[in-house]
Amino acid sequence: MDSWQSILSFAIVAAAGIWLVRRAVRTVARGLKAKAGECVSCSKCVMNPTTKKENKLVQLGGPPTSDE
């Protein structure tokens, strides 16, 4: 470690590595905590694809006009 730049870059890389490991551990822990049938059979589960809200399409031109 010759200069402050080396120390700073090492600290940034170490912090990023710690964050990645923490994120991976949390993701695996959540996956192990959930039971196999819970995510699909429960109507209140956010992971259930049938409970996800649909994005409504919006027309920016206003309501259609009739040419009579």
Protein backbone atom coordinates (compact mmCIF):
# COMPACT_ATOMS: atom_id res chain seq x y z
CA MET A 1 0.00 0.00 0.00
CA ASP A 2 2.04 2.89 -1.28
CA SER A 3 -0.44 5.72 -1.49
CA TRP A 4 -3.80 6.87 -0.20
CA GLN A 5 -5.34 5.96 -3.56
CA SER A 6 -4.50 2.30 -3.06
CA ILE A 7 -5.99 2.34 0.42
CA LEU A 8 -9.14 4.08 -0.79
CA SER A 9 -9.62 1.71 -3.73
CA PHE A 10 -9.11 -1.30 -1.46
CA ALA A 11 -11.71 0.05 0.97
CA ILE A 12 -14.23 0.59 -1.84
CA VAL A 13 -13.70 -2.89 -3.25
CA ALA A 14 -13.94 -4.44 0.23
CA ALA A 15 -17.20 -2.57 0.94
CA ALA A 16 -18.66 -3.72 -2.38
CA GLY A 17 -17.65 -7.32 -1.64
CA ILE A 18 -19.22 -7.20 1.80
CA TRP A 19 -22.42 -5.77 0.32
CA LEU A 20 -22.57 -8.53 -2.32
CA VAL A 21 -22.04 -11.28 0.24
CA ARG A 22 -24.68 -9.76 2.53
CA ARG A 23 -27.15 -9.52 -0.35
CA ALA A 24 -26.51 -13.14 -1.40
CA VAL A 25 -26.94 -14.42 2.17
CA ARG A 26 -30.24 -12.55 2.56
CA THR A 27 -31.53 -13.88 -0.77
CA VAL A 28 -30.64 -17.48 0.08
CA ALA A 29 -32.12 -17.14 3.57
CA ARG A 30 -35.41 -15.88 2.12
CA GLY A 31 -35.47 -18.78 -0.33
CA LEU A 32 -34.87 -21.32 2.41
CA LYS A 33 -37.49 -19.76 4.68
CA ALA A 34 -40.30 -19.99 2.10
CA LYS A 35 -41.98 -23.34 1.71
CA ALA A 36 -42.44 -24.82 -1.74
CA GLY A 37 -46.21 -24.42 -2.04
CA GLU A 38 -46.59 -21.09 -0.25
CA CYS A 39 -45.72 -18.75 -3.07
CA VAL A 40 -48.28 -20.09 -5.51
CA SER A 41 -51.22 -21.21 -3.39
CA CYS A 42 -51.64 -18.18 -1.13
CA SER A 43 -53.79 -15.41 -2.58
CA LYS A 44 -52.08 -12.78 -0.39
CA CYS A 45 -48.52 -13.66 -1.41
CA VAL A 46 -46.68 -11.07 -3.47
CA MET A 47 -44.90 -13.82 -5.35
CA ASN A 48 -48.21 -15.23 -6.65
CA PRO A 49 -48.55 -14.14 -10.29
CA THR A 50 -52.35 -13.98 -10.06
CA THR A 51 -52.23 -11.27 -7.37
CA LYS A 52 -49.96 -8.91 -9.27
CA LYS A 53 -51.58 -5.67 -10.37
CA GLU A 54 -51.87 -5.14 -14.08
CA ASN A 55 -50.55 -2.01 -15.68
CA LYS A 56 -53.41 -0.26 -17.42
CA LEU A 57 -52.65 1.30 -20.79
CA VAL A 58 -53.39 4.99 -21.00
CA GLN A 59 -54.11 6.83 -24.22
CA LEU A 60 -52.62 10.29 -24.20
CA GLY A 61 -54.77 11.65 -27.03
CA GLY A 62 -57.97 11.71 -24.98
CA PRO A 63 -61.19 9.82 -25.63
CA PRO A 64 -61.92 8.78 -29.21
CA THR A 65 -64.21 11.09 -31.14
CA SER A 66 -66.95 9.88 -33.43
CA ASP A 67 -67.12 11.26 -36.95
CA GLU A 68 -70.86 11.49 -37.65
